[in-house]
Amino acid sequence: MNVVYSSHHYHVVEFPGLGFEVIKKPSAMGTYLQGDTANRFRQHFAELVAEQASVESVDDYLGNFDVLMNQPAVYH
């Protein structure tokens, strides 16, 4: 498990070889991306990092996944 991004609004964790968990902090809701979706997410996220995108730009990108965030985030 690797935390790959954390801002005031989002938290992204990569489970190598499995997928990504994306959590919207204000609503404490999240989603899990796997398979082809996770691969496309990884590619686009790497492009954002390579171009040194601002926190706002990354948060805007993650906002595209808000509709999928319907699972309550449970903290251990």
N, C-alpha and C. Protein backbone atom coordinates (compact mmCIF):
# COMPACT_ATOMS: atom_id res chain seq x y z
N MET A 1 0.85 -1.17 0.00
CA MET A 1 0.00 0.00 0.00
C MET A 1 0.90 1.23 0.00
N ASN A 2 0.67 2.12 -0.96
CA ASN A 2 1.46 3.35 -1.09
C ASN A 2 0.53 4.55 -1.21
N VAL A 3 0.70 5.52 -0.33
CA VAL A 3 -0.04 6.77 -0.46
C VAL A 3 0.63 7.54 -1.60
N VAL A 4 -0.11 7.79 -2.68
CA VAL A 4 0.46 8.48 -3.82
C VAL A 4 0.02 9.94 -3.91
N TYR A 5 -1.02 10.30 -3.15
CA TYR A 5 -1.49 11.68 -3.18
C TYR A 5 -2.34 11.94 -1.95
N SER A 6 -2.16 13.12 -1.39
CA SER A 6 -3.00 13.54 -0.28
C SER A 6 -3.10 15.06 -0.31
N SER A 7 -4.33 15.56 -0.35
CA SER A 7 -4.57 17.00 -0.29
C SER A 7 -5.67 17.22 0.75
N HIS A 8 -6.11 18.44 0.82
CA HIS A 8 -7.20 18.75 1.76
C HIS A 8 -8.49 18.04 1.36
N HIS A 9 -8.65 17.75 0.06
CA HIS A 9 -9.90 17.18 -0.44
C HIS A 9 -9.85 15.70 -0.80
N TYR A 10 -8.68 15.19 -1.20
CA TYR A 10 -8.59 13.81 -1.67
C TYR A 10 -7.40 13.07 -1.09
N HIS A 11 -7.55 11.76 -1.09
CA HIS A 11 -6.50 10.85 -0.63
C HIS A 11 -6.48 9.69 -1.63
N VAL A 12 -5.30 9.40 -2.19
CA VAL A 12 -5.18 8.32 -3.17
C VAL A 12 -4.14 7.32 -2.68
N VAL A 13 -4.54 6.06 -2.61
CA VAL A 13 -3.66 4.98 -2.18
C VAL A 13 -3.55 3.97 -3.30
N GLU A 14 -2.32 3.56 -3.61
CA GLU A 14 -2.11 2.52 -4.61
C GLU A 14 -1.81 1.21 -3.91
N PHE A 15 -2.48 0.18 -4.36
CA PHE A 15 -2.19 -1.19 -3.92
C PHE A 15 -1.49 -1.83 -5.12
N PRO A 16 -0.13 -1.86 -5.11
CA PRO A 16 0.63 -2.30 -6.28
C PRO A 16 0.12 -3.63 -6.85
N GLY A 17 -0.08 -3.61 -8.16
CA GLY A 17 -0.54 -4.79 -8.86
C GLY A 17 -2.03 -5.06 -8.71
N LEU A 18 -2.72 -4.26 -7.90
CA LEU A 18 -4.15 -4.49 -7.65
C LEU A 18 -5.02 -3.33 -8.10
N GLY A 19 -4.72 -2.12 -7.66
CA GLY A 19 -5.56 -0.98 -8.02
C GLY A 19 -5.32 0.22 -7.14
N PHE A 20 -6.27 1.14 -7.18
CA PHE A 20 -6.20 2.40 -6.45
C PHE A 20 -7.47 2.63 -5.65
N GLU A 21 -7.31 3.16 -4.46
CA GLU A 21 -8.44 3.63 -3.67
C GLU A 21 -8.38 5.15 -3.68
N VAL A 22 -9.50 5.79 -4.04
CA VAL A 22 -9.59 7.24 -4.07
C VAL A 22 -10.67 7.64 -3.08
N ILE A 23 -10.31 8.52 -2.14
CA ILE A 23 -11.25 8.94 -1.10
C ILE A 23 -11.41 10.45 -1.15
N LYS A 24 -12.65 10.90 -1.12
CA LYS A 24 -12.96 12.32 -1.01
C LYS A 24 -13.11 12.61 0.48
N LYS A 25 -12.16 13.32 1.03
CA LYS A 25 -12.11 13.52 2.47
C LYS A 25 -13.33 14.24 3.06
N PRO A 26 -13.83 15.34 2.46
CA PRO A 26 -14.96 16.03 3.07
C PRO A 26 -16.20 15.16 3.27
N SER A 27 -16.44 14.25 2.33
CA SER A 27 -17.63 13.40 2.45
C SER A 27 -17.33 12.04 3.05
N ALA A 28 -16.03 11.74 3.23
CA ALA A 28 -15.58 10.44 3.74
C ALA A 28 -16.16 9.29 2.92
N MET A 29 -16.17 9.50 1.59
CA MET A 29 -16.65 8.48 0.66
C MET A 29 -15.52 8.18 -0.32
N GLY A 30 -15.51 6.96 -0.83
CA GLY A 30 -14.45 6.59 -1.74
C GLY A 30 -14.86 5.57 -2.76
N THR A 31 -13.90 5.21 -3.60
CA THR A 31 -14.10 4.19 -4.62
C THR A 31 -12.79 3.44 -4.81
N TYR A 32 -12.90 2.28 -5.42
CA TYR A 32 -11.72 1.46 -5.71
C TYR A 32 -11.66 1.23 -7.21
N LEU A 33 -10.51 1.54 -7.80
CA LEU A 33 -10.31 1.37 -9.24
C LEU A 33 -9.38 0.20 -9.48
N GLN A 34 -9.78 -0.67 -10.40
CA GLN A 34 -8.94 -1.83 -10.72
C GLN A 34 -9.01 -2.13 -12.21
N GLY A 35 -8.17 -3.02 -12.67
CA GLY A 35 -8.18 -3.43 -14.07
C GLY A 35 -7.80 -2.29 -15.01
N ASP A 36 -8.50 -2.25 -16.15
CA ASP A 36 -8.21 -1.23 -17.17
C ASP A 36 -8.41 0.18 -16.64
N THR A 37 -9.40 0.37 -15.80
CA THR A 37 -9.64 1.69 -15.23
C THR A 37 -8.46 2.13 -14.38
N ALA A 38 -7.93 1.23 -13.58
CA ALA A 38 -6.76 1.55 -12.75
C ALA A 38 -5.55 1.85 -13.62
N ASN A 39 -5.38 1.10 -14.71
CA ASN A 39 -4.25 1.34 -15.60
C ASN A 39 -4.33 2.72 -16.25
N ARG A 40 -5.52 3.10 -16.71
CA ARG A 40 -5.69 4.43 -17.29
C ARG A 40 -5.50 5.52 -16.24
N PHE A 41 -6.01 5.27 -15.03
CA PHE A 41 -5.83 6.22 -13.94
C PHE A 41 -4.34 6.41 -13.65
N ARG A 42 -3.59 5.31 -13.56
CA ARG A 42 -2.15 5.36 -13.28
C ARG A 42 -1.43 6.18 -14.35
N GLN A 43 -1.77 5.94 -15.62
CA GLN A 43 -1.13 6.65 -16.72
C GLN A 43 -1.41 8.14 -16.65
N HIS A 44 -2.66 8.50 -16.48
CA HIS A 44 -3.01 9.93 -16.44
C HIS A 44 -2.43 10.60 -15.20
N PHE A 45 -2.46 9.92 -14.08
CA PHE A 45 -1.92 10.49 -12.85
C PHE A 45 -0.41 10.71 -12.99
N ALA A 46 0.30 9.77 -13.63
CA ALA A 46 1.74 9.91 -13.86
C ALA A 46 2.02 11.12 -14.76
N GLU A 47 1.15 11.36 -15.74
CA GLU A 47 1.32 12.53 -16.60
C GLU A 47 1.15 13.82 -15.80
N LEU A 48 0.17 13.86 -14.90
CA LEU A 48 -0.01 15.04 -14.05
C LEU A 48 1.22 15.30 -13.20
N VAL A 49 1.77 14.24 -12.63
CA VAL A 49 2.96 14.38 -11.78
C VAL A 49 4.15 14.85 -12.62
N ALA A 50 4.31 14.29 -13.81
CA ALA A 50 5.43 14.64 -14.69
C ALA A 50 5.39 16.12 -15.09
N GLU A 51 4.19 16.65 -15.27
CA GLU A 51 4.10 18.07 -15.63
C GLU A 51 3.98 18.97 -14.42
N GLN A 52 4.18 18.40 -13.25
CA GLN A 52 4.16 19.13 -11.98
C GLN A 52 2.88 19.95 -11.83
N ALA A 53 1.77 19.28 -12.03
CA ALA A 53 0.46 19.93 -11.93
C ALA A 53 0.24 20.47 -10.51
N SER A 54 -0.53 21.53 -10.43
CA SER A 54 -0.85 22.12 -9.13
C SER A 54 -1.82 21.21 -8.37
N VAL A 55 -1.92 21.43 -7.08
CA VAL A 55 -2.86 20.68 -6.25
C VAL A 55 -4.27 20.86 -6.78
N GLU A 56 -4.59 22.07 -7.21
CA GLU A 56 -5.92 22.35 -7.74
C GLU A 56 -6.20 21.53 -9.00
N SER A 57 -5.19 21.40 -9.87
CA SER A 57 -5.36 20.62 -11.10
C SER A 57 -5.56 19.14 -10.80
N VAL A 58 -4.80 18.63 -9.86
CA VAL A 58 -4.94 17.22 -9.48
C VAL A 58 -6.30 16.99 -8.84
N ASP A 59 -6.70 17.89 -7.95
CA ASP A 59 -8.01 17.77 -7.31
C ASP A 59 -9.13 17.85 -8.35
N ASP A 60 -8.98 18.70 -9.36
CA ASP A 60 -9.98 18.79 -10.43
C ASP A 60 -10.07 17.46 -11.17
N TYR A 61 -8.92 16.85 -11.46
CA TYR A 61 -8.91 15.54 -12.13
C TYR A 61 -9.62 14.50 -11.27
N LEU A 62 -9.28 14.47 -9.98
CA LEU A 62 -9.90 13.49 -9.08
C LEU A 62 -11.39 13.74 -8.92
N GLY A 63 -11.81 14.99 -9.06
CA GLY A 63 -13.23 15.32 -9.00
C GLY A 63 -14.05 14.61 -10.07
N ASN A 64 -13.39 14.22 -11.16
CA ASN A 64 -14.09 13.46 -12.21
C ASN A 64 -14.58 12.11 -11.71
N PHE A 65 -14.02 11.64 -10.61
CA PHE A 65 -14.39 10.34 -10.07
C PHE A 65 -15.41 10.45 -8.93
N ASP A 66 -15.84 11.66 -8.59
CA ASP A 66 -16.77 11.85 -7.48
C ASP A 66 -18.03 11.00 -7.60
N VAL A 67 -18.54 10.86 -8.81
CA VAL A 67 -19.77 10.10 -9.02
C VAL A 67 -19.59 8.63 -8.62
N LEU A 68 -18.36 8.14 -8.68
CA LEU A 68 -18.09 6.74 -8.30
C LEU A 68 -17.88 6.56 -6.80
N MET A 69 -17.70 7.65 -6.10
CA MET A 69 -17.37 7.56 -4.67
C MET A 69 -18.64 7.39 -3.85
N ASN A 70 -19.05 6.12 -3.74
CA ASN A 70 -20.28 5.81 -3.01
C ASN A 70 -20.06 4.82 -1.87
N GLN A 71 -18.80 4.53 -1.57
CA GLN A 71 -18.49 3.63 -0.47
C GLN A 71 -17.97 4.44 0.72
N PRO A 72 -18.53 4.25 1.90
CA PRO A 72 -18.03 4.99 3.07
C PRO A 72 -16.58 4.60 3.36
N ALA A 73 -15.79 5.60 3.66
CA ALA A 73 -14.39 5.35 4.05
C ALA A 73 -14.38 4.98 5.52
N VAL A 74 -13.75 3.87 5.83
CA VAL A 74 -13.66 3.40 7.21
C VAL A 74 -12.20 3.52 7.64
N TYR A 75 -11.98 4.23 8.71
CA TYR A 75 -10.63 4.42 9.21
C TYR A 75 -10.31 3.37 10.25
N HIS A 76 -9.11 2.82 10.16
CA HIS A 76 -8.70 1.76 11.09
C HIS A 76 -7.92 2.34 12.23
